[in-house]
Each structure stands twice: as structure tokens, then as C-alpha cells.
Amino acid sequence: VQLQAFGGGLVQVGGSLRLSCAASGISDSFTVGWFRQAPGKEHEFVAAIDYSAIRPHYLDSVKGRFTISRDNAKNIVYLQMSGLKPEDTAVYSCAADFGGYYGTDLFQYDYWGQGTLVTVSS
């Protein structure tokens, strides 16, 4: 199983980016969580989605600005980010779980991959 996050970049305050998490080597259903780590800080949960995309949930500070979605045919999970703020600057990574977990604890997930850097300039 491999997970690869991509789509990061430099954006101005108020701008938008769409991150993608591509999963390979997977044939079963899986849940996905997005996490971020700002310089000098711990990993922080951002959003997560179940396989059927029925009950996604979000970090309070990104609600209404970020949207998580998925394309199960392509094994890709997206994180659409809008209204970006300087405090959103971080390396964003994704994690997958095959047991149905899609909570806020990164270490409960089965797999996680390298991240992509998002920089929001003021």
C-alpha cells in the first residue's frame, strides 16, 4: 500500500488549493484522514472521510472552508481548501485505515504517506 499526497504550493491569503491523496495497492474499502504539521508543531487532524463519504468530519477551524471528498473508482481522496489563512501553512499528509477508523488520531491509521507543503502568504 502506498499513499501519496500532492497538490500543495504557494498561495495568497484567501486563495484556494485542492490537494489529492492517491492510494495504490489497495483493493478493499478504506477510510482516509488528512493531517497537517506546521513547523515546530505536532501533527494536527484536519479532516476525515468514510468509504461511502456519508459522514466526513473536520477540525473546527477549517469547517466551512475545507471540503473532503473521494473518488473510489480512482482511489483518490481530495481536500479542497478555500479561504486559506497563514495559519493553514503546513505539510499536509494523508492516512488510510482498513478497519473503518477515521478519527483524529494519526497513529490509529494503518498507513500514511509523505506530505505536500502548503504555504499561505500574507
PDB file of N, CA and C in Angstrom:
ATOM      1  N   VAL A   1       0.845  -1.192   0.000  1.00  0.00           N
ATOM      2  CA  VAL A   1       0.000   0.000   0.000  1.00  0.00           C
ATOM      3  C   VAL A   1       0.881   1.243   0.000  1.00  0.00           C
ATOM      4  N   GLN A   2       0.555   2.154  -0.878  1.00  0.00           N
ATOM      5  CA  GLN A   2       1.270   3.436  -0.904  1.00  0.00           C
ATOM      6  C   GLN A   2       0.270   4.580  -0.956  1.00  0.00           C
ATOM      7  N   LEU A   3       0.598   5.620  -0.214  1.00  0.00           N
ATOM      8  CA  LEU A   3      -0.206   6.834  -0.230  1.00  0.00           C
ATOM      9  C   LEU A   3       0.684   7.990  -0.628  1.00  0.00           C
ATOM     10  N   GLN A   4       0.198   8.815  -1.499  1.00  0.00           N
ATOM     11  CA  GLN A   4       0.960   9.981  -1.939  1.00  0.00           C
ATOM     12  C   GLN A   4       0.049  11.197  -1.978  1.00  0.00           C
ATOM     13  N   ALA A   5       0.437  12.198  -1.219  1.00  0.00           N
ATOM     14  CA  ALA A   5      -0.305  13.455  -1.240  1.00  0.00           C
ATOM     15  C   ALA A   5       0.387  14.410  -2.201  1.00  0.00           C
ATOM     16  N   PHE A   6      -0.396  15.139  -2.974  1.00  0.00           N
ATOM     17  CA  PHE A   6       0.174  16.139  -3.867  1.00  0.00           C
ATOM     18  C   PHE A   6      -0.837  17.251  -4.097  1.00  0.00           C
ATOM     19  N   GLY A   7      -0.334  18.326  -4.709  1.00  0.00           N
ATOM     20  CA  GLY A   7      -1.197  19.466  -4.987  1.00  0.00           C
ATOM     21  C   GLY A   7      -0.882  20.705  -4.165  1.00  0.00           C
ATOM     22  N   GLY A   8       0.095  20.606  -3.268  1.00  0.00           N
ATOM     23  CA  GLY A   8       0.443  21.753  -2.461  1.00  0.00           C
ATOM     24  C   GLY A   8       1.138  22.832  -3.269  1.00  0.00           C
ATOM     25  N   GLY A   9       1.378  23.958  -2.623  1.00  0.00           N
ATOM     26  CA  GLY A   9       2.046  25.051  -3.297  1.00  0.00           C
ATOM     27  C   GLY A   9       1.953  26.327  -2.494  1.00  0.00           C
ATOM     28  N   LEU A  10       2.332  27.410  -3.135  1.00  0.00           N
ATOM     29  CA  LEU A  10       2.296  28.732  -2.520  1.00  0.00           C
ATOM     30  C   LEU A  10       1.032  29.455  -2.984  1.00  0.00           C
ATOM     31  N   VAL A  11       0.280  29.971  -2.030  1.00  0.00           N
ATOM     32  CA  VAL A  11      -0.966  30.664  -2.349  1.00  0.00           C
ATOM     33  C   VAL A  11      -1.112  31.860  -1.430  1.00  0.00           C
ATOM     34  N   GLN A  12      -1.803  32.877  -1.915  1.00  0.00           N
ATOM     35  CA  GLN A  12      -2.021  34.065  -1.100  1.00  0.00           C
ATOM     36  C   GLN A  12      -3.201  33.866  -0.163  1.00  0.00           C
ATOM     37  N   VAL A  13      -3.230  34.676   0.866  1.00  0.00           N
ATOM     38  CA  VAL A  13      -4.343  34.641   1.812  1.00  0.00           C
ATOM     39  C   VAL A  13      -5.668  34.772   1.055  1.00  0.00           C
ATOM     40  N   GLY A  14      -6.605  33.917   1.421  1.00  0.00           N
ATOM     41  CA  GLY A  14      -7.900  33.919   0.771  1.00  0.00           C
ATOM     42  C   GLY A  14      -7.980  33.046  -0.459  1.00  0.00           C
ATOM     43  N   GLY A  15      -6.860  32.502  -0.869  1.00  0.00           N
ATOM     44  CA  GLY A  15      -6.816  31.672  -2.065  1.00  0.00           C
ATOM     45  C   GLY A  15      -7.286  30.247  -1.823  1.00  0.00           C
ATOM     46  N   SER A  16      -7.193  29.445  -2.877  1.00  0.00           N
ATOM     47  CA  SER A  16      -7.672  28.068  -2.819  1.00  0.00           C
ATOM     48  C   SER A  16      -6.638  27.109  -3.378  1.00  0.00           C
ATOM     49  N   LEU A  17      -6.689  25.886  -2.891  1.00  0.00           N
ATOM     50  CA  LEU A  17      -5.883  24.789  -3.411  1.00  0.00           C
ATOM     51  C   LEU A  17      -6.690  23.511  -3.267  1.00  0.00           C
ATOM     52  N   ARG A  18      -6.438  22.576  -4.153  1.00  0.00           N
ATOM     53  CA  ARG A  18      -7.022  21.251  -3.997  1.00  0.00           C
ATOM     54  C   ARG A  18      -5.898  20.232  -3.864  1.00  0.00           C
ATOM     55  N   LEU A  19      -5.870  19.567  -2.738  1.00  0.00           N
ATOM     56  CA  LEU A  19      -4.912  18.501  -2.504  1.00  0.00           C
ATOM     57  C   LEU A  19      -5.528  17.164  -2.889  1.00  0.00           C
ATOM     58  N   SER A  20      -4.674  16.255  -3.321  1.00  0.00           N
ATOM     59  CA  SER A  20      -5.112  14.909  -3.668  1.00  0.00           C
ATOM     60  C   SER A  20      -4.293  13.898  -2.898  1.00  0.00           C
ATOM     61  N   CYS A  21      -4.926  12.828  -2.515  1.00  0.00           N
ATOM     62  CA  CYS A  21      -4.260  11.714  -1.863  1.00  0.00           C
ATOM     63  C   CYS A  21      -4.519  10.484  -2.723  1.00  0.00           C
ATOM     64  N   ALA A  22      -3.477  10.026  -3.394  1.00  0.00           N
ATOM     65  CA  ALA A  22      -3.611   8.876  -4.285  1.00  0.00           C
ATOM     66  C   ALA A  22      -3.161   7.616  -3.557  1.00  0.00           C
ATOM     67  N   ALA A  23      -4.027   6.626  -3.540  1.00  0.00           N
ATOM     68  CA  ALA A  23      -3.729   5.359  -2.871  1.00  0.00           C
ATOM     69  C   ALA A  23      -3.524   4.265  -3.914  1.00  0.00           C
ATOM     70  N   SER A  24      -2.453   3.517  -3.756  1.00  0.00           N
ATOM     71  CA  SER A  24      -2.191   2.417  -4.678  1.00  0.00           C
ATOM     72  C   SER A  24      -1.966   1.131  -3.895  1.00  0.00           C
ATOM     73  N   GLY A  25      -2.167   0.013  -4.569  1.00  0.00           N
ATOM     74  CA  GLY A  25      -2.008  -1.267  -3.904  1.00  0.00           C
ATOM     75  C   GLY A  25      -3.141  -1.605  -2.970  1.00  0.00           C
ATOM     76  N   ILE A  26      -4.304  -0.983  -3.203  1.00  0.00           N
ATOM     77  CA  ILE A  26      -5.455  -1.180  -2.332  1.00  0.00           C
ATOM     78  C   ILE A  26      -6.580  -1.823  -3.116  1.00  0.00           C
ATOM     79  N   SER A  27      -7.181  -2.856  -2.547  1.00  0.00           N
ATOM     80  CA  SER A  27      -8.314  -3.488  -3.207  1.00  0.00           C
ATOM     81  C   SER A  27      -9.536  -3.545  -2.302  1.00  0.00           C
ATOM     82  N   ASP A  28      -9.380  -3.149  -1.043  1.00  0.00           N
ATOM     83  CA  ASP A  28     -10.502  -3.152  -0.095  1.00  0.00           C
ATOM     84  C   ASP A  28     -10.952  -1.726   0.191  1.00  0.00           C
ATOM     85  N   SER A  29     -12.090  -1.620   0.841  1.00  0.00           N
ATOM     86  CA  SER A  29     -12.571  -0.291   1.217  1.00  0.00           C
ATOM     87  C   SER A  29     -11.676   0.266   2.322  1.00  0.00           C
ATOM     88  N   PHE A  30     -11.540   1.563   2.358  1.00  0.00           N
ATOM     89  CA  PHE A  30     -10.671   2.203   3.338  1.00  0.00           C
ATOM     90  C   PHE A  30     -11.171   3.598   3.653  1.00  0.00           C
ATOM     91  N   THR A  31     -10.877   4.032   4.834  1.00  0.00           N
ATOM     92  CA  THR A  31     -11.179   5.401   5.241  1.00  0.00           C
ATOM     93  C   THR A  31      -9.891   6.211   5.144  1.00  0.00           C
ATOM     94  N   VAL A  32     -10.031   7.527   5.082  1.00  0.00           N
ATOM     95  CA  VAL A  32      -8.870   8.399   4.929  1.00  0.00           C
ATOM     96  C   VAL A  32      -8.973   9.615   5.829  1.00  0.00           C
ATOM     97  N   GLY A  33      -7.855   9.964   6.393  1.00  0.00           N
ATOM     98  CA  GLY A  33      -7.760  11.192   7.157  1.00  0.00           C
ATOM     99  C   GLY A  33      -6.674  12.081   6.591  1.00  0.00           C
ATOM    100  N   TRP A  34      -6.938  13.375   6.620  1.00  0.00           N
ATOM    101  CA  TRP A  34      -5.913  14.355   6.272  1.00  0.00           C
ATOM    102  C   TRP A  34      -5.377  14.971   7.566  1.00  0.00           C
ATOM    103  N   PHE A  35      -4.064  15.114   7.626  1.00  0.00           N
ATOM    104  CA  PHE A  35      -3.390  15.717   8.776  1.00  0.00           C
ATOM    105  C   PHE A  35      -2.431  16.784   8.271  1.00  0.00           C
ATOM    106  N   ARG A  36      -2.025  17.658   9.152  1.00  0.00           N
ATOM    107  CA  ARG A  36      -1.036  18.654   8.780  1.00  0.00           C
ATOM    108  C   ARG A  36      -0.064  18.865   9.928  1.00  0.00           C
ATOM    109  N   GLN A  37       1.119  19.299   9.567  1.00  0.00           N
ATOM    110  CA  GLN A  37       2.131  19.591  10.573  1.00  0.00           C
ATOM    111  C   GLN A  37       2.816  20.891  10.200  1.00  0.00           C
ATOM    112  N   ALA A  38       2.620  21.882  11.029  1.00  0.00           N
ATOM    113  CA  ALA A  38       3.272  23.171  10.847  1.00  0.00           C
ATOM    114  C   ALA A  38       4.669  23.101  11.472  1.00  0.00           C
ATOM    115  N   PRO A  39       5.576  23.960  11.033  1.00  0.00           N
ATOM    116  CA  PRO A  39       6.939  23.937  11.584  1.00  0.00           C
ATOM    117  C   PRO A  39       6.949  24.060  13.109  1.00  0.00           C
ATOM    118  N   GLY A  40       7.618  23.156  13.743  1.00  0.00           N
ATOM    119  CA  GLY A  40       7.748  23.193  15.189  1.00  0.00           C
ATOM    120  C   GLY A  40       6.531  22.736  15.960  1.00  0.00           C
ATOM    121  N   LYS A  41       5.533  22.202  15.265  1.00  0.00           N
ATOM    122  CA  LYS A  41       4.303  21.783  15.943  1.00  0.00           C
ATOM    123  C   LYS A  41       4.029  20.301  15.714  1.00  0.00           C
ATOM    124  N   GLU A  42       3.103  19.775  16.500  1.00  0.00           N
ATOM    125  CA  GLU A  42       2.696  18.381  16.362  1.00  0.00           C
ATOM    126  C   GLU A  42       1.751  18.227  15.159  1.00  0.00           C
ATOM    127  N   HIS A  43       1.589  16.972  14.743  1.00  0.00           N
ATOM    128  CA  HIS A  43       0.589  16.689  13.718  1.00  0.00           C
ATOM    129  C   HIS A  43      -0.789  17.087  14.219  1.00  0.00           C
ATOM    130  N   GLU A  44      -1.586  17.597  13.320  1.00  0.00           N
ATOM    131  CA  GLU A  44      -2.929  18.052  13.659  1.00  0.00           C
ATOM    132  C   GLU A  44      -3.926  17.453  12.675  1.00  0.00           C
ATOM    133  N   PHE A  45      -4.991  16.879  13.220  1.00  0.00           N
ATOM    134  CA  PHE A  45      -6.063  16.352  12.378  1.00  0.00           C
ATOM    135  C   PHE A  45      -6.733  17.500  11.632  1.00  0.00           C
ATOM    136  N   VAL A  46      -7.053  17.265  10.355  1.00  0.00           N
ATOM    137  CA  VAL A  46      -7.728  18.275   9.553  1.00  0.00           C
ATOM    138  C   VAL A  46      -9.131  17.807   9.130  1.00  0.00           C
ATOM    139  N   ALA A  47      -9.211  16.628   8.541  1.00  0.00           N
ATOM    140  CA  ALA A  47     -10.497  16.129   8.051  1.00  0.00           C
ATOM    141  C   ALA A  47     -10.383  14.636   7.801  1.00  0.00           C
ATOM    142  N   ALA A  48     -11.518  13.957   7.812  1.00  0.00           N
ATOM    143  CA  ALA A  48     -11.521  12.524   7.524  1.00  0.00           C
ATOM    144  C   ALA A  48     -12.835  12.144   6.870  1.00  0.00           C
ATOM    145  N   ILE A  49     -12.784  11.024   6.138  1.00  0.00           N
ATOM    146  CA  ILE A  49     -13.952  10.616   5.378  1.00  0.00           C
ATOM    147  C   ILE A  49     -14.082   9.099   5.410  1.00  0.00           C
ATOM    148  N   ASP A  50     -15.317   8.632   5.537  1.00  0.00           N
ATOM    149  CA  ASP A  50     -15.569   7.194   5.484  1.00  0.00           C
ATOM    150  C   ASP A  50     -15.643   6.748   4.027  1.00  0.00           C
ATOM    151  N   TYR A  51     -15.726   5.445   3.793  1.00  0.00           N
ATOM    152  CA  TYR A  51     -15.660   4.941   2.426  1.00  0.00           C
ATOM    153  C   TYR A  51     -16.845   5.409   1.586  1.00  0.00           C
ATOM    154  N   SER A  52     -18.006   5.480   2.196  1.00  0.00           N
ATOM    155  CA  SER A  52     -19.203   5.898   1.471  1.00  0.00           C
ATOM    156  C   SER A  52     -19.369   7.408   1.411  1.00  0.00           C
ATOM    157  N   ALA A  53     -18.443   8.113   2.047  1.00  0.00           N
ATOM    158  CA  ALA A  53     -18.472   9.586   2.040  1.00  0.00           C
ATOM    159  C   ALA A  53     -19.777  10.126   2.618  1.00  0.00           C
ATOM    160  N   ILE A  54     -20.315   9.430   3.582  1.00  0.00           N
ATOM    161  CA  ILE A  54     -21.586   9.859   4.169  1.00  0.00           C
ATOM    162  C   ILE A  54     -21.370  10.794   5.349  1.00  0.00           C
ATOM    163  N   ARG A  55     -20.329  10.520   6.136  1.00  0.00           N
ATOM    164  CA  ARG A  55     -20.142  11.274   7.366  1.00  0.00           C
ATOM    165  C   ARG A  55     -18.722  11.812   7.504  1.00  0.00           C
ATOM    166  N   PRO A  56     -18.311  12.738   6.636  1.00  0.00           N
ATOM    167  CA  PRO A  56     -16.994  13.347   6.838  1.00  0.00           C
ATOM    168  C   PRO A  56     -17.009  14.230   8.083  1.00  0.00           C
ATOM    169  N   HIS A  57     -15.850  14.457   8.635  1.00  0.00           N
ATOM    170  CA  HIS A  57     -15.779  15.401   9.743  1.00  0.00           C
ATOM    171  C   HIS A  57     -14.497  16.194   9.680  1.00  0.00           C
ATOM    172  N   TYR A  58     -14.486  17.348  10.364  1.00  0.00           N
ATOM    173  CA  TYR A  58     -13.451  18.344  10.175  1.00  0.00           C
ATOM    174  C   TYR A  58     -12.959  18.923  11.501  1.00  0.00           C
ATOM    175  N   LEU A  59     -11.743  19.422  11.448  1.00  0.00           N
ATOM    176  CA  LEU A  59     -11.222  20.283  12.505  1.00  0.00           C
ATOM    177  C   LEU A  59     -12.107  21.530  12.529  1.00  0.00           C
ATOM    178  N   ASP A  60     -12.438  21.997  13.699  1.00  0.00           N
ATOM    179  CA  ASP A  60     -13.358  23.138  13.794  1.00  0.00           C
ATOM    180  C   ASP A  60     -12.871  24.353  13.007  1.00  0.00           C
ATOM    181  N   SER A  61     -11.584  24.603  13.025  1.00  0.00           N
ATOM    182  CA  SER A  61     -11.067  25.823  12.396  1.00  0.00           C
ATOM    183  C   SER A  61     -11.089  25.778  10.879  1.00  0.00           C
ATOM    184  N   VAL A  62     -11.367  24.616  10.278  1.00  0.00           N
ATOM    185  CA  VAL A  62     -11.429  24.544   8.817  1.00  0.00           C
ATOM    186  C   VAL A  62     -12.852  24.308   8.322  1.00  0.00           C
ATOM    187  N   LYS A  63     -13.785  24.107   9.222  1.00  0.00           N
ATOM    188  CA  LYS A  63     -15.170  23.901   8.807  1.00  0.00           C
ATOM    189  C   LYS A  63     -15.670  25.095   8.008  1.00  0.00           C
ATOM    190  N   GLY A  64     -16.338  24.787   6.896  1.00  0.00           N
ATOM    191  CA  GLY A  64     -16.838  25.848   6.037  1.00  0.00           C
ATOM    192  C   GLY A  64     -15.816  26.352   5.040  1.00  0.00           C
ATOM    193  N   ARG A  65     -14.552  25.992   5.217  1.00  0.00           N
ATOM    194  CA  ARG A  65     -13.502  26.404   4.287  1.00  0.00           C
ATOM    195  C   ARG A  65     -12.924  25.217   3.523  1.00  0.00           C
ATOM    196  N   PHE A  66     -12.820  24.076   4.165  1.00  0.00           N
ATOM    197  CA  PHE A  66     -12.247  22.876   3.563  1.00  0.00           C
ATOM    198  C   PHE A  66     -13.353  21.853   3.318  1.00  0.00           C
ATOM    199  N   THR A  67     -13.206  21.103   2.238  1.00  0.00           N
ATOM    200  CA  THR A  67     -14.140  20.027   1.920  1.00  0.00           C
ATOM    201  C   THR A  67     -13.370  18.782   1.511  1.00  0.00           C
ATOM    202  N   ILE A  68     -13.656  17.679   2.181  1.00  0.00           N
ATOM    203  CA  ILE A  68     -13.027  16.407   1.834  1.00  0.00           C
ATOM    204  C   ILE A  68     -14.002  15.600   0.983  1.00  0.00           C
ATOM    205  N   SER A  69     -13.474  14.959  -0.037  1.00  0.00           N
ATOM    206  CA  SER A  69     -14.318  14.138  -0.910  1.00  0.00           C
ATOM    207  C   SER A  69     -13.464  13.006  -1.464  1.00  0.00           C
ATOM    208  N   ARG A  70     -14.101  12.081  -2.173  1.00  0.00           N
ATOM    209  CA  ARG A  70     -13.328  10.951  -2.684  1.00  0.00           C
ATOM    210  C   ARG A  70     -13.910  10.414  -3.975  1.00  0.00           C
ATOM    211  N   ASP A  71     -13.036   9.791  -4.749  1.00  0.00           N
ATOM    212  CA  ASP A  71     -13.421   9.086  -5.971  1.00  0.00           C
ATOM    213  C   ASP A  71     -12.950   7.649  -5.785  1.00  0.00           C
ATOM    214  N   ASN A  72     -13.849   6.773  -5.397  1.00  0.00           N
ATOM    215  CA  ASN A  72     -13.461   5.398  -5.080  1.00  0.00           C
ATOM    216  C   ASN A  72     -13.011   4.625  -6.323  1.00  0.00           C
ATOM    217  N   ALA A  73     -13.488   5.005  -7.477  1.00  0.00           N
ATOM    218  CA  ALA A  73     -13.063   4.328  -8.705  1.00  0.00           C
ATOM    219  C   ALA A  73     -11.585   4.575  -8.977  1.00  0.00           C
ATOM    220  N   LYS A  74     -11.111   5.741  -8.558  1.00  0.00           N
ATOM    221  CA  LYS A  74      -9.706   6.104  -8.788  1.00  0.00           C
ATOM    222  C   LYS A  74      -8.843   5.957  -7.540  1.00  0.00           C
ATOM    223  N   ASN A  75      -9.454   5.602  -6.416  1.00  0.00           N
ATOM    224  CA  ASN A  75      -8.718   5.523  -5.145  1.00  0.00           C
ATOM    225  C   ASN A  75      -8.022   6.847  -4.818  1.00  0.00           C
ATOM    226  N   ILE A  76      -8.743   7.923  -4.995  1.00  0.00           N
ATOM    227  CA  ILE A  76      -8.201   9.249  -4.691  1.00  0.00           C
ATOM    228  C   ILE A  76      -9.145   9.958  -3.717  1.00  0.00           C
ATOM    229  N   VAL A  77      -8.552  10.602  -2.746  1.00  0.00           N
ATOM    230  CA  VAL A  77      -9.300  11.436  -1.804  1.00  0.00           C
ATOM    231  C   VAL A  77      -8.795  12.862  -1.947  1.00  0.00           C
ATOM    232  N   TYR A  78      -9.732  13.785  -2.003  1.00  0.00           N
ATOM    233  CA  TYR A  78      -9.385  15.185  -2.223  1.00  0.00           C
ATOM    234  C   TYR A  78      -9.619  16.015  -0.968  1.00  0.00           C
ATOM    235  N   LEU A  79      -8.866  17.079  -0.862  1.00  0.00           N
ATOM    236  CA  LEU A  79      -9.116  18.086   0.164  1.00  0.00           C
ATOM    237  C   LEU A  79      -9.133  19.435  -0.547  1.00  0.00           C
ATOM    238  N   GLN A  80     -10.336  19.956  -0.750  1.00  0.00           N
ATOM    239  CA  GLN A  80     -10.496  21.260  -1.367  1.00  0.00           C
ATOM    240  C   GLN A  80     -10.400  22.313  -0.269  1.00  0.00           C
ATOM    241  N   MET A  81      -9.445  23.208  -0.419  1.00  0.00           N
ATOM    242  CA  MET A  81      -9.217  24.224   0.601  1.00  0.00           C
ATOM    243  C   MET A  81      -9.467  25.599  -0.002  1.00  0.00           C
ATOM    244  N   SER A  82     -10.269  26.375   0.661  1.00  0.00           N
ATOM    245  CA  SER A  82     -10.535  27.738   0.218  1.00  0.00           C
ATOM    246  C   SER A  82     -10.464  28.675   1.413  1.00  0.00           C
ATOM    247  N   GLY A  83     -10.441  29.960   1.159  1.00  0.00           N
ATOM    248  CA  GLY A  83     -10.318  30.920   2.245  1.00  0.00           C
ATOM    249  C   GLY A  83      -9.086  30.683   3.089  1.00  0.00           C
ATOM    250  N   LEU A  84      -7.984  30.356   2.417  1.00  0.00           N
ATOM    251  CA  LEU A  84      -6.769  29.963   3.148  1.00  0.00           C
ATOM    252  C   LEU A  84      -6.203  31.105   3.970  1.00  0.00           C
ATOM    253  N   LYS A  85      -5.662  30.737   5.123  1.00  0.00           N
ATOM    254  CA  LYS A  85      -5.094  31.685   6.067  1.00  0.00           C
ATOM    255  C   LYS A  85      -3.638  31.329   6.318  1.00  0.00           C
ATOM    256  N   PRO A  86      -2.839  32.266   6.789  1.00  0.00           N
ATOM    257  CA  PRO A  86      -1.427  31.953   7.093  1.00  0.00           C
ATOM    258  C   PRO A  86      -1.279  30.788   8.062  1.00  0.00           C
ATOM    259  N   GLU A  87      -2.206  30.649   8.990  1.00  0.00           N
ATOM    260  CA  GLU A  87      -2.128  29.547   9.960  1.00  0.00           C
ATOM    261  C   GLU A  87      -2.434  28.181   9.358  1.00  0.00           C
ATOM    262  N   ASP A  88      -2.847  28.156   8.095  1.00  0.00           N
ATOM    263  CA  ASP A  88      -3.034  26.884   7.394  1.00  0.00           C
ATOM    264  C   ASP A  88      -1.727  26.370   6.796  1.00  0.00           C
ATOM    265  N   THR A  89      -0.676  27.173   6.854  1.00  0.00           N
ATOM    266  CA  THR A  89       0.627  26.759   6.327  1.00  0.00           C
ATOM    267  C   THR A  89       1.142  25.543   7.083  1.00  0.00           C
ATOM    268  N   ALA A  90       1.443  24.486   6.326  1.00  0.00           N
ATOM    269  CA  ALA A  90       1.884  23.232   6.929  1.00  0.00           C
ATOM    270  C   ALA A  90       2.177  22.225   5.824  1.00  0.00           C
ATOM    271  N   VAL A  91       2.784  21.115   6.239  1.00  0.00           N
ATOM    272  CA  VAL A  91       2.880  19.948   5.361  1.00  0.00           C
ATOM    273  C   VAL A  91       1.624  19.117   5.599  1.00  0.00           C
ATOM    274  N   TYR A  92       0.898  18.860   4.540  1.00  0.00           N
ATOM    275  CA  TYR A  92      -0.346  18.094   4.622  1.00  0.00           C
ATOM    276  C   TYR A  92      -0.089  16.670   4.138  1.00  0.00           C
ATOM    277  N   SER A  93      -0.538  15.702   4.908  1.00  0.00           N
ATOM    278  CA  SER A  93      -0.377  14.303   4.537  1.00  0.00           C
ATOM    279  C   SER A  93      -1.675  13.551   4.774  1.00  0.00           C
ATOM    280  N   CYS A  94      -1.776  12.390   4.160  1.00  0.00           N
ATOM    281  CA  CYS A  94      -2.985  11.601   4.310  1.00  0.00           C
ATOM    282  C   CYS A  94      -2.654  10.232   4.904  1.00  0.00           C
ATOM    283  N   ALA A  95      -3.654   9.670   5.549  1.00  0.00           N
ATOM    284  CA  ALA A  95      -3.525   8.366   6.187  1.00  0.00           C
ATOM    285  C   ALA A  95      -4.744   7.525   5.849  1.00  0.00           C
ATOM    286  N   ALA A  96      -4.549   6.222   5.757  1.00  0.00           N
ATOM    287  CA  ALA A  96      -5.637   5.321   5.397  1.00  0.00           C
ATOM    288  C   ALA A  96      -5.798   4.219   6.431  1.00  0.00           C
ATOM    289  N   ASP A  97      -7.031   3.792   6.594  1.00  0.00           N
ATOM    290  CA  ASP A  97      -7.315   2.706   7.536  1.00  0.00           C
ATOM    291  C   ASP A  97      -8.275   1.719   6.896  1.00  0.00           C
ATOM    292  N   PHE A  98      -8.036   0.423   7.146  1.00  0.00           N
ATOM    293  CA  PHE A  98      -8.868  -0.629   6.575  1.00  0.00           C
ATOM    294  C   PHE A  98      -9.850  -1.216   7.573  1.00  0.00           C
ATOM    295  N   GLY A  99      -9.815  -0.719   8.785  1.00  0.00           N
ATOM    296  CA  GLY A  99     -10.720  -1.227   9.816  1.00  0.00           C
ATOM    297  C   GLY A  99     -11.891  -0.313  10.100  1.00  0.00           C
ATOM    298  N   GLY A 100     -12.038   0.730   9.301  1.00  0.00           N
ATOM    299  CA  GLY A 100     -13.170   1.627   9.485  1.00  0.00           C
ATOM    300  C   GLY A 100     -12.894   2.848  10.340  1.00  0.00           C
ATOM    301  N   TYR A 101     -11.683   2.941  10.888  1.00  0.00           N
ATOM    302  CA  TYR A 101     -11.354   4.089  11.722  1.00  0.00           C
ATOM    303  C   TYR A 101     -11.165   5.320  10.857  1.00  0.00           C
ATOM    304  N   TYR A 102     -11.760   6.426  11.228  1.00  0.00           N
ATOM    305  CA  TYR A 102     -11.465   7.689  10.559  1.00  0.00           C
ATOM    306  C   TYR A 102     -11.590   8.837  11.554  1.00  0.00           C
ATOM    307  N   GLY A 103     -10.900   8.588  12.671  1.00  0.00           N
ATOM    308  CA  GLY A 103     -10.882   9.569  13.732  1.00  0.00           C
ATOM    309  C   GLY A 103      -9.724  10.534  13.631  1.00  0.00           C
ATOM    310  N   THR A 104      -9.404  11.142  14.751  1.00  0.00           N
ATOM    311  CA  THR A 104      -8.435  12.235  14.790  1.00  0.00           C
ATOM    312  C   THR A 104      -7.032  11.817  15.197  1.00  0.00           C
ATOM    313  N   ASP A 105      -6.835  10.545  15.509  1.00  0.00           N
ATOM    314  CA  ASP A 105      -5.534  10.063  15.965  1.00  0.00           C
ATOM    315  C   ASP A 105      -4.775   9.449  14.807  1.00  0.00           C
ATOM    316  N   LEU A 106      -3.726  10.144  14.348  1.00  0.00           N
ATOM    317  CA  LEU A 106      -2.949   9.674  13.204  1.00  0.00           C
ATOM    318  C   LEU A 106      -2.434   8.255  13.421  1.00  0.00           C
ATOM    319  N   PHE A 107      -2.047   7.920  14.622  1.00  0.00           N
ATOM    320  CA  PHE A 107      -1.392   6.635  14.870  1.00  0.00           C
ATOM    321  C   PHE A 107      -2.370   5.467  14.940  1.00  0.00           C
ATOM    322  N   GLN A 108      -3.663   5.747  14.824  1.00  0.00           N
ATOM    323  CA  GLN A 108      -4.659   4.682  14.735  1.00  0.00           C
ATOM    324  C   GLN A 108      -4.856   4.216  13.297  1.00  0.00           C
ATOM    325  N   TYR A 109      -4.354   4.982  12.338  1.00  0.00           N
ATOM    326  CA  TYR A 109      -4.495   4.604  10.942  1.00  0.00           C
ATOM    327  C   TYR A 109      -3.459   3.530  10.577  1.00  0.00           C
ATOM    328  N   ASP A 110      -3.769   2.740   9.563  1.00  0.00           N
ATOM    329  CA  ASP A 110      -2.876   1.656   9.165  1.00  0.00           C
ATOM    330  C   ASP A 110      -1.690   2.157   8.337  1.00  0.00           C
ATOM    331  N   TYR A 111      -1.920   3.106   7.487  1.00  0.00           N
ATOM    332  CA  TYR A 111      -0.872   3.601   6.600  1.00  0.00           C
ATOM    333  C   TYR A 111      -0.936   5.123   6.507  1.00  0.00           C
ATOM    334  N   TRP A 112       0.193   5.726   6.319  1.00  0.00           N
ATOM    335  CA  TRP A 112       0.235   7.134   5.976  1.00  0.00           C
ATOM    336  C   TRP A 112       1.421   7.395   5.079  1.00  0.00           C
ATOM    337  N   GLY A 113       1.324   8.432   4.289  1.00  0.00           N
ATOM    338  CA  GLY A 113       2.355   8.697   3.299  1.00  0.00           C
ATOM    339  C   GLY A 113       3.012  10.050   3.492  1.00  0.00           C
ATOM    340  N   GLN A 114       3.932  10.336   2.576  1.00  0.00           N
ATOM    341  CA  GLN A 114       4.618  11.622   2.613  1.00  0.00           C
ATOM    342  C   GLN A 114       3.651  12.737   2.242  1.00  0.00           C
ATOM    343  N   GLY A 115       3.946  13.892   2.744  1.00  0.00           N
ATOM    344  CA  GLY A 115       3.030  15.004   2.573  1.00  0.00           C
ATOM    345  C   GLY A 115       3.402  15.962   1.470  1.00  0.00           C
ATOM    346  N   THR A 116       2.594  16.992   1.352  1.00  0.00           N
ATOM    347  CA  THR A 116       2.803  18.058   0.388  1.00  0.00           C
ATOM    348  C   THR A 116       2.700  19.391   1.119  1.00  0.00           C
ATOM    349  N   LEU A 117       3.609  20.299   0.781  1.00  0.00           N
ATOM    350  CA  LEU A 117       3.702  21.559   1.514  1.00  0.00           C
ATOM    351  C   LEU A 117       2.719  22.589   0.968  1.00  0.00           C
ATOM    352  N   VAL A 118       1.986  23.179   1.890  1.00  0.00           N
ATOM    353  CA  VAL A 118       1.090  24.294   1.576  1.00  0.00           C
ATOM    354  C   VAL A 118       1.601  25.522   2.303  1.00  0.00           C
ATOM    355  N   THR A 119       1.865  26.579   1.562  1.00  0.00           N
ATOM    356  CA  THR A 119       2.339  27.819   2.151  1.00  0.00           C
ATOM    357  C   THR A 119       1.368  28.937   1.783  1.00  0.00           C
ATOM    358  N   VAL A 120       0.840  29.585   2.805  1.00  0.00           N
ATOM    359  CA  VAL A 120      -0.111  30.679   2.591  1.00  0.00           C
ATOM    360  C   VAL A 120       0.586  31.976   2.964  1.00  0.00           C
ATOM    361  N   SER A 121       0.750  32.845   1.995  1.00  0.00           N
ATOM    362  CA  SER A 121       1.460  34.094   2.237  1.00  0.00           C
ATOM    363  C   SER A 121       0.487  35.246   2.459  1.00  0.00           C
ATOM    364  N   SER A 122       0.880  36.129   3.352  1.00  0.00           N
ATOM    365  CA  SER A 122       0.014  37.279   3.670  1.00  0.00           C
ATOM    366  C   SER A 122       0.457  38.505   2.891  1.00  0.00           C
TER     367      SER A 122
END
